N, C-alpha and C. Protein backbone atom coordinates (compact mmCIF):
# COMPACT_ATOMS: atom_id res chain seq x y z
N MET A 1 0.56 -1.21 0.34
CA MET A 1 0.02 0.02 0.11
C MET A 1 1.06 1.31 -0.03
N THR A 2 0.64 2.37 -1.03
CA THR A 2 0.91 3.49 -0.37
C THR A 2 0.19 5.00 -0.10
N ASN A 3 0.78 5.51 0.40
CA ASN A 3 0.32 6.70 1.09
C ASN A 3 -0.10 7.60 -0.30
N ARG A 4 -1.50 7.67 -0.15
CA ARG A 4 -1.52 8.93 -1.50
C ARG A 4 -2.19 10.32 -0.47
N PRO A 5 -1.65 11.04 -1.04
CA PRO A 5 -2.80 12.61 -0.94
C PRO A 5 -4.17 12.20 -0.77
N LYS A 6 -4.96 13.16 -0.07
CA LYS A 6 -5.99 12.90 0.19
C LYS A 6 -6.54 13.77 -0.93
N ARG A 7 -7.77 13.64 -1.27
CA ARG A 7 -8.14 14.59 -2.70
C ARG A 7 -9.24 15.57 -1.87
N THR A 8 -9.36 16.76 -2.60
CA THR A 8 -9.69 17.68 -2.09
C THR A 8 -11.01 18.30 -2.75
N THR A 9 -11.69 19.00 -1.96
CA THR A 9 -13.07 19.49 -3.26
C THR A 9 -12.69 20.36 -3.87
N GLY A 10 -11.77 20.89 -3.78
CA GLY A 10 -11.44 22.19 -4.50
C GLY A 10 -12.05 23.86 -3.84
N LYS A 11 -12.83 23.26 -3.02
CA LYS A 11 -13.16 24.64 -2.14
C LYS A 11 -12.41 25.08 -0.99
N PRO A 12 -12.05 26.05 -1.07
CA PRO A 12 -11.57 26.74 0.10
C PRO A 12 -12.17 26.81 0.97
N LYS A 13 -11.19 26.31 2.44
CA LYS A 13 -11.32 26.68 3.66
C LYS A 13 -11.90 27.80 4.24
N ARG A 14 -13.11 28.00 4.67
CA ARG A 14 -13.43 29.49 4.90
C ARG A 14 -12.66 29.58 5.91
N ARG A 15 -12.44 30.52 6.89
CA ARG A 15 -12.23 31.11 8.10
C ARG A 15 -12.80 31.72 8.80
N ARG A 16 -13.09 31.03 9.84
CA ARG A 16 -14.34 31.66 11.11
C ARG A 16 -14.31 32.89 11.71
N ARG A 17 -14.79 33.62 11.16
CA ARG A 17 -14.64 35.44 12.22
C ARG A 17 -14.55 34.88 13.61
N PRO A 18 -13.63 35.87 14.15
CA PRO A 18 -13.85 35.71 16.07
C PRO A 18 -15.23 36.15 16.19
N GLN A 19 -15.68 35.63 17.07
CA GLN A 19 -16.73 36.13 17.80
C GLN A 19 -16.40 36.51 19.68
N GLY A 20 -17.60 37.44 19.20
CA GLY A 20 -17.33 38.00 20.59
C GLY A 20 -16.92 39.37 20.68
N PRO A 21 -16.48 40.15 21.41
CA PRO A 21 -15.44 41.61 21.13
C PRO A 21 -14.28 41.51 20.81
N GLN A 22 -14.04 42.94 19.73
CA GLN A 22 -12.84 43.01 19.02
C GLN A 22 -12.63 43.95 19.27
N LYS A 23 -11.35 44.34 19.07
CA LYS A 23 -10.56 45.24 19.69
C LYS A 23 -10.11 46.29 18.32
N ILE A 24 -10.77 47.60 18.53
CA ILE A 24 -10.91 48.55 17.23
C ILE A 24 -10.29 49.53 17.51
N THR A 25 -8.65 49.81 17.13
CA THR A 25 -8.07 51.16 17.74
C THR A 25 -8.24 51.96 16.64
N ILE A 26 -8.30 53.70 17.19
CA ILE A 26 -8.51 54.42 16.23
C ILE A 26 -6.98 55.59 17.00
N VAL A 27 -5.99 55.51 16.10
CA VAL A 27 -4.69 56.73 16.80
C VAL A 27 -5.15 57.88 15.68
N ARG A 28 -5.31 59.24 16.39
CA ARG A 28 -5.68 60.44 15.73
C ARG A 28 -3.57 60.83 15.67
N GLU A 29 -3.77 61.27 14.38
CA GLU A 29 -1.78 61.53 13.77
C GLU A 29 -2.49 62.65 13.07
N GLU A 30 -2.12 63.99 13.09
CA GLU A 30 -2.12 65.53 12.56
C GLU A 30 -3.65 65.04 12.05
N GLU A 31 -4.13 65.43 11.16
CA GLU A 31 -5.50 65.61 10.34
C GLU A 31 -6.13 64.28 9.60
N ASN A 32 -5.32 62.83 10.57
CA ASN A 32 -5.84 61.72 9.97
C ASN A 32 -6.07 60.98 11.46
N LEU A 33 -7.10 59.59 10.93
CA LEU A 33 -7.19 59.12 11.54
C LEU A 33 -6.39 57.61 11.22
N ILE A 34 -6.18 56.73 12.08
CA ILE A 34 -4.96 55.59 11.88
C ILE A 34 -6.14 54.56 12.41
N ILE A 35 -6.96 53.74 11.33
CA ILE A 35 -7.59 52.56 12.01
C ILE A 35 -7.46 51.44 12.11
N HIS A 36 -7.16 50.74 13.19
CA HIS A 36 -6.44 49.19 12.90
C HIS A 36 -8.18 48.67 13.34
N THR A 37 -8.96 47.50 13.03
CA THR A 37 -9.93 47.00 12.74
C THR A 37 -9.46 45.22 12.49
N PRO A 38 -10.40 44.57 12.98
CA PRO A 38 -10.11 43.18 12.56
C PRO A 38 -10.56 43.54 10.59
N PHE A 39 -10.40 42.20 10.15
CA PHE A 39 -10.36 42.04 8.52
C PHE A 39 -11.65 42.01 8.48
N ASN A 40 -12.77 42.27 7.66
CA ASN A 40 -14.31 42.59 7.37
C ASN A 40 -14.41 42.68 5.98
N PRO A 41 -14.57 42.03 5.38
CA PRO A 41 -14.64 42.78 3.78
C PRO A 41 -15.88 43.60 3.14
N GLU A 42 -16.86 43.38 3.85
CA GLU A 42 -18.03 44.31 3.86
C GLU A 42 -17.52 45.84 4.52
N TYR A 43 -16.66 45.95 5.83
CA TYR A 43 -16.28 47.17 6.15
C TYR A 43 -14.95 47.45 4.88
N VAL A 44 -14.57 47.13 4.56
CA VAL A 44 -13.65 47.67 3.54
C VAL A 44 -14.36 47.95 2.52
N GLU A 45 -15.37 47.39 1.89
CA GLU A 45 -16.23 47.48 0.47
C GLU A 45 -16.85 49.16 0.93
N ALA A 46 -17.05 49.38 2.69
CA ALA A 46 -17.77 50.74 2.90
C ALA A 46 -16.93 51.84 2.78
N LEU A 47 -16.17 51.61 3.36
CA LEU A 47 -15.08 52.65 3.39
C LEU A 47 -14.51 52.74 1.59
N LYS A 48 -14.30 51.86 0.82
CA LYS A 48 -13.95 52.49 -0.66
C LYS A 48 -15.52 52.81 -1.17
N LYS A 49 -16.06 52.67 -0.89
CA LYS A 49 -17.52 53.28 -1.78
C LYS A 49 -17.85 54.62 -1.25
N ASN A 50 -17.71 55.04 0.27
CA ASN A 50 -17.99 55.90 0.71
C ASN A 50 -16.93 57.22 1.14
N ILE A 51 -15.43 56.64 0.69
CA ILE A 51 -14.62 57.65 1.19
C ILE A 51 -13.54 57.63 -0.18
N PRO A 52 -13.21 58.85 -0.52
CA PRO A 52 -12.43 59.19 -1.98
C PRO A 52 -11.39 58.23 -1.55
N ILE A 53 -10.49 57.59 -2.64
CA ILE A 53 -8.82 57.29 -2.50
C ILE A 53 -8.16 58.62 -2.49
N GLY A 54 -6.75 58.76 -2.01
CA GLY A 54 -6.09 58.98 -1.89
C GLY A 54 -5.70 59.79 -0.75
N MET A 55 -5.77 60.80 -0.57
CA MET A 55 -5.69 61.82 0.61
C MET A 55 -6.55 61.51 1.90
N GLU A 56 -7.61 61.20 1.02
CA GLU A 56 -9.09 61.55 1.70
C GLU A 56 -9.10 59.70 2.47
N ARG A 57 -8.42 58.78 1.68
CA ARG A 57 -8.46 57.05 2.48
C ARG A 57 -7.30 56.42 1.80
N ARG A 58 -6.35 55.90 2.56
CA ARG A 58 -5.49 54.85 1.86
C ARG A 58 -5.53 53.82 2.89
N TRP A 59 -4.93 52.77 2.10
CA TRP A 59 -4.39 51.45 3.09
C TRP A 59 -2.73 51.79 3.28
N ASN A 60 -2.80 51.47 4.56
CA ASN A 60 -1.05 51.48 4.86
C ASN A 60 -0.91 50.28 5.06
N PRO A 61 0.31 49.67 3.99
CA PRO A 61 0.29 48.07 4.16
C PRO A 61 1.43 47.67 5.57
N ASP A 62 1.94 48.62 5.60
CA ASP A 62 3.16 48.84 6.66
C ASP A 62 2.57 48.63 8.26
N ARG A 63 1.90 49.72 8.16
CA ARG A 63 0.61 49.52 9.37
C ARG A 63 -0.17 48.68 9.63
N LYS A 64 -0.81 48.11 8.36
CA LYS A 64 -2.01 47.24 8.54
C LYS A 64 -3.05 48.06 9.05
N ALA A 65 -3.33 49.30 8.28
CA ALA A 65 -4.20 50.04 9.02
C ALA A 65 -4.41 51.05 7.76
N TRP A 66 -6.14 51.37 7.74
CA TRP A 66 -6.70 52.27 6.85
C TRP A 66 -6.40 53.95 7.38
N VAL A 67 -6.03 54.79 6.45
CA VAL A 67 -5.54 55.86 6.91
C VAL A 67 -6.72 57.00 6.53
N VAL A 68 -7.22 57.82 7.75
CA VAL A 68 -8.55 58.35 6.95
C VAL A 68 -8.71 59.48 7.08
N HIS A 69 -9.17 60.77 6.36
CA HIS A 69 -8.92 62.11 6.93
C HIS A 69 -10.09 62.40 8.23
N ALA A 70 -9.70 63.30 8.61
CA ALA A 70 -10.49 63.22 10.10
C ALA A 70 -11.67 63.62 9.67
N LYS A 71 -11.69 64.37 8.91
CA LYS A 71 -13.50 64.86 8.39
C LYS A 71 -14.12 63.50 8.27
N HIS A 72 -14.04 62.83 7.88
CA HIS A 72 -14.76 61.67 7.94
C HIS A 72 -15.09 60.75 8.95
N GLU A 73 -14.59 60.95 10.24
CA GLU A 73 -14.43 60.75 11.46
C GLU A 73 -16.33 60.07 11.86
N LYS A 74 -17.25 61.05 11.89
CA LYS A 74 -18.34 60.64 11.88
C LYS A 74 -18.93 59.26 11.42
N LEU A 75 -18.73 59.65 9.82
CA LEU A 75 -18.99 58.06 8.60
C LEU A 75 -18.19 56.77 8.81
N VAL A 76 -17.36 56.93 9.89
CA VAL A 76 -15.91 56.09 9.94
C VAL A 76 -16.59 55.24 11.13
N ARG A 77 -16.92 55.85 11.72
CA ARG A 77 -17.41 55.53 13.57
C ARG A 77 -18.46 54.90 13.72
N GLY A 78 -19.85 54.88 12.43
CA GLY A 78 -20.91 54.63 12.03
C GLY A 78 -20.49 53.54 11.00
N PHE A 79 -19.34 52.99 10.26
CA PHE A 79 -19.60 51.83 10.04
C PHE A 79 -18.30 51.07 10.65
N ILE A 80 -17.74 51.58 12.19
CA ILE A 80 -17.67 50.38 12.86
C ILE A 80 -18.75 50.20 13.50
N GLY A 81 -19.62 50.86 14.22
CA GLY A 81 -20.66 50.35 15.01
C GLY A 81 -21.05 49.70 14.02
N ALA A 82 -22.17 49.78 12.82
CA ALA A 82 -22.35 48.53 11.80
C ALA A 82 -21.60 47.52 12.08
N TYR A 83 -20.64 47.64 11.39
CA TYR A 83 -19.68 46.31 11.15
C TYR A 83 -18.98 45.43 12.33
N TYR A 84 -18.92 45.91 13.37
CA TYR A 84 -18.68 45.39 14.93
C TYR A 84 -19.24 46.09 15.84
N PRO A 85 -20.54 45.64 15.39
CA PRO A 85 -21.56 46.09 16.68
C PRO A 85 -21.11 45.60 18.51
N GLU A 86 -20.17 44.28 18.14
CA GLU A 86 -19.60 44.42 20.13
C GLU A 86 -17.86 44.84 19.68
N GLY A 87 -17.73 45.32 18.78
CA GLY A 87 -16.27 45.78 18.77
C GLY A 87 -16.09 46.81 20.51
N THR A 88 -14.52 47.10 20.67
CA THR A 88 -14.09 48.12 21.77
C THR A 88 -13.64 48.73 21.07
N ILE A 89 -13.60 50.20 21.04
CA ILE A 89 -12.75 50.99 20.19
C ILE A 89 -11.66 51.65 21.79
N VAL A 90 -10.46 51.20 20.93
CA VAL A 90 -9.38 52.24 22.02
C VAL A 90 -8.97 53.41 21.09
N GLU A 91 -8.72 54.58 21.63
CA GLU A 91 -8.26 55.70 21.12
C GLU A 91 -7.00 56.26 21.55
N GLU A 92 -6.26 56.90 20.85
CA GLU A 92 -5.31 57.01 21.24
C GLU A 92 -4.27 57.92 20.32
N ASN A 93 -3.59 58.61 20.80
CA ASN A 93 -3.40 60.43 20.59
C ASN A 93 -1.36 59.97 20.42
N LEU A 94 -0.75 60.01 19.42
CA LEU A 94 0.27 59.88 19.20
C LEU A 94 1.55 61.35 19.61
N SER A 95 1.89 61.14 20.59
CA SER A 95 3.16 62.08 20.96
C SER A 95 4.19 62.60 20.13
N PRO A 96 4.62 64.13 19.71
CA PRO A 96 4.98 64.70 18.83
C PRO A 96 6.36 63.87 18.58
N SER A 97 6.78 63.14 19.15
CA SER A 97 7.87 62.39 18.55
C SER A 97 7.60 60.83 18.31
N GLN A 98 6.38 60.57 18.64
CA GLN A 98 5.51 59.38 17.73
C GLN A 98 5.30 59.78 16.49
N GLU A 99 4.76 60.91 16.54
CA GLU A 99 4.17 61.32 15.18
C GLU A 99 5.14 61.92 14.11
N ALA A 100 6.18 61.93 14.67
CA ALA A 100 7.74 62.55 13.64
C ALA A 100 7.96 61.28 12.99
N LEU A 101 8.30 60.36 14.05
CA LEU A 101 8.74 58.86 13.71
C LEU A 101 7.84 58.64 12.70
N ALA A 102 6.44 58.59 12.30
CA ALA A 102 5.16 57.92 11.94
C ALA A 102 5.55 58.68 10.76
N LYS A 103 5.66 59.52 10.34
CA LYS A 103 5.81 60.46 9.10
C LYS A 103 6.89 59.93 8.60
N THR A 104 8.57 60.16 9.30
CA THR A 104 9.29 59.76 8.32
C THR A 104 9.28 58.11 7.90
N SER A 105 8.73 57.06 8.94
CA SER A 105 8.18 56.04 8.67
C SER A 105 7.77 55.90 6.85
N ASP A 106 6.35 56.80 6.77
CA ASP A 106 5.65 56.80 5.61
C ASP A 106 6.23 57.35 4.77
N LEU A 107 7.15 58.46 4.77
CA LEU A 107 7.87 58.75 3.67
C LEU A 107 9.17 58.06 3.17
N ALA A 108 9.87 56.70 3.99
CA ALA A 108 10.50 56.36 3.70
C ALA A 108 10.15 54.80 2.50
N THR A 109 8.57 54.67 3.34
CA THR A 109 8.21 53.76 2.42
C THR A 109 7.61 53.98 1.51
N GLU A 110 7.18 55.29 1.42
CA GLU A 110 6.51 56.12 -0.22
C GLU A 110 7.80 55.86 -1.16
N LEU A 111 9.22 56.41 -0.63
CA LEU A 111 10.25 56.31 -1.62
C LEU A 111 10.68 55.05 -1.90
N ILE A 112 10.58 54.29 -1.29
CA ILE A 112 10.49 53.07 -1.65
C ILE A 112 9.95 52.04 -2.86
N ARG A 113 8.37 52.51 -2.33
CA ARG A 113 7.65 52.13 -3.36
C ARG A 113 7.73 52.92 -4.71
N GLU A 114 8.25 54.38 -4.13
CA GLU A 114 8.27 54.79 -5.74
C GLU A 114 9.47 54.30 -6.73
N ALA A 115 10.83 53.78 -5.30
CA ALA A 115 11.90 53.49 -6.50
C ALA A 115 11.63 52.03 -6.94
N ARG A 116 10.45 51.57 -6.62
CA ARG A 116 10.24 49.80 -7.10
C ARG A 116 10.17 50.10 -8.54
N LYS A 117 8.85 51.22 -8.81
CA LYS A 117 8.45 51.19 -10.06
C LYS A 117 9.22 51.15 -10.89
N HIS A 118 10.57 52.11 -10.46
CA HIS A 118 11.45 51.85 -11.70
C HIS A 118 12.73 51.27 -11.80
N ARG A 119 13.19 50.57 -13.02
CA ARG A 119 14.00 49.20 -12.83
C ARG A 119 15.33 49.89 -12.77
N ASN A 120 15.35 51.34 -13.41
CA ASN A 120 17.13 51.56 -13.35
C ASN A 120 16.65 53.33 -12.18
N PHE A 121 17.69 52.71 -11.05
CA PHE A 121 17.23 53.82 -10.05
C PHE A 121 17.80 55.09 -10.42
N GLY A 122 18.62 54.99 -11.45
CA GLY A 122 19.18 56.45 -11.84
C GLY A 122 18.52 57.51 -12.18
N ASP A 123 16.97 56.87 -12.26
CA ASP A 123 16.01 58.22 -12.65
C ASP A 123 15.30 58.73 -11.60
N ILE A 124 15.58 58.34 -10.08
CA ILE A 124 15.11 58.97 -9.29
C ILE A 124 16.26 59.86 -8.70
N VAL A 125 15.39 61.14 -8.34
CA VAL A 125 16.41 62.21 -8.07
C VAL A 125 15.81 62.43 -6.13
N LEU A 126 16.35 61.75 -5.41
CA LEU A 126 16.16 62.02 -3.93
C LEU A 126 16.53 63.05 -3.15
């Protein structure tokens, strides 16, 4: 007898969403809100449909968080209430030194991302 791998049905396994209270963090950074939430595709879709991309709303892959302009705070809180009804919101404010470090990190990330677009790094003036 040989050991054969089990056949799969071809359907991907669905991950269960955690039940119960979930932690949502909102960090104020100048005129932006840095929003950490557990992944919820409906919440992401609501953000994308209702808040313009660019300086109003963007995903920060390094922080794994949404960065949303503070003028959309009421809308964002409404979405959080709708999509995370049992969520616990933790609010934080960055100190000036933390804010400076976050800006430096975001700038470095943008420069690296831009550099990767060019095969010849001589094209870029820093």
